[in-house]
Protein backbone atom coordinates (compact mmCIF):
# COMPACT_ATOMS: atom_id res chain seq x y z
CA UNK A 1 -13.75 4.02 5.69
CA UNK A 2 -10.45 2.98 4.15
CA UNK A 3 -9.24 -0.50 3.36
CA UNK A 4 -5.66 -1.64 3.04
CA UNK A 5 -4.03 -4.65 1.42
CA UNK A 6 -0.43 -5.77 1.73
CA UNK A 7 0.94 -8.50 -0.54
CA UNK A 8 4.47 -9.75 -0.03
CA UNK A 9 6.39 -10.48 -3.22
CA UNK A 10 8.86 -13.29 -2.49
CA UNK A 11 11.25 -15.48 -4.36
CA UNK A 12 12.57 -18.25 -2.12
CA UNK A 13 13.62 -16.97 1.29
CA UNK A 14 14.31 -13.37 0.25
CA UNK A 15 11.74 -10.61 0.18
CA UNK A 16 12.03 -8.42 -2.94
CA UNK A 17 9.32 -5.92 -2.08
CA UNK A 18 5.84 -5.34 -0.74
CA UNK A 19 2.96 -4.21 -2.95
CA UNK A 20 0.64 -1.87 -1.04
CA UNK A 21 -2.82 -0.92 -2.26
CA UNK A 22 -4.48 1.97 -0.47
CA UNK A 23 -8.02 3.26 -1.01
CA UNK A 24 -8.02 7.09 -0.96
CA UNK A 25 -10.92 9.51 -1.28
CA UNK A 26 -10.47 11.99 -4.15
CA UNK A 27 -10.68 15.66 -3.18
CA UNK A 28 -12.11 16.70 -6.55
CA UNK A 29 -14.94 14.21 -7.06
CA UNK A 30 -15.36 12.59 -3.65
CA UNK A 31 -15.02 9.13 -5.24
CA UNK A 32 -12.59 6.54 -3.92
CA UNK A 33 -9.50 5.67 -5.96
CA UNK A 34 -6.86 3.01 -5.43
CA UNK A 35 -3.24 4.07 -4.96
CA UNK A 36 -0.68 1.29 -5.54
CA UNK A 37 2.99 1.36 -4.57
CA UNK A 38 5.75 -1.24 -4.24
CA UNK A 39 7.90 -0.70 -1.15
CA UNK A 40 11.20 -2.41 -0.28
CA UNK A 41 10.35 -3.60 3.27
CA UNK A 42 7.56 -4.12 5.80
CA UNK A 43 8.57 -1.20 8.05
CA UNK A 44 7.95 1.28 5.23
CA UNK A 45 4.53 -0.29 4.61
CA UNK A 46 3.45 0.57 8.16
CA UNK A 47 4.54 4.20 7.62
CA UNK A 48 2.80 4.25 4.22
CA UNK A 49 -0.57 3.37 5.77
CA UNK A 50 -0.05 5.64 8.78
CA UNK A 51 0.22 8.82 6.69
CA UNK A 52 -2.84 10.34 5.04
């Protein structure tokens, strides 16, 4: 089971970027690790969570 979090980083009315935190299962140990990326817009965030 994977969880996802999307936080929008704003300053005023403009969106600077979106911080995405994805929980991914490690192939080596089987433990879950958190992968964090900052993406420029919301459309890329949807693609980010769609890929495995």
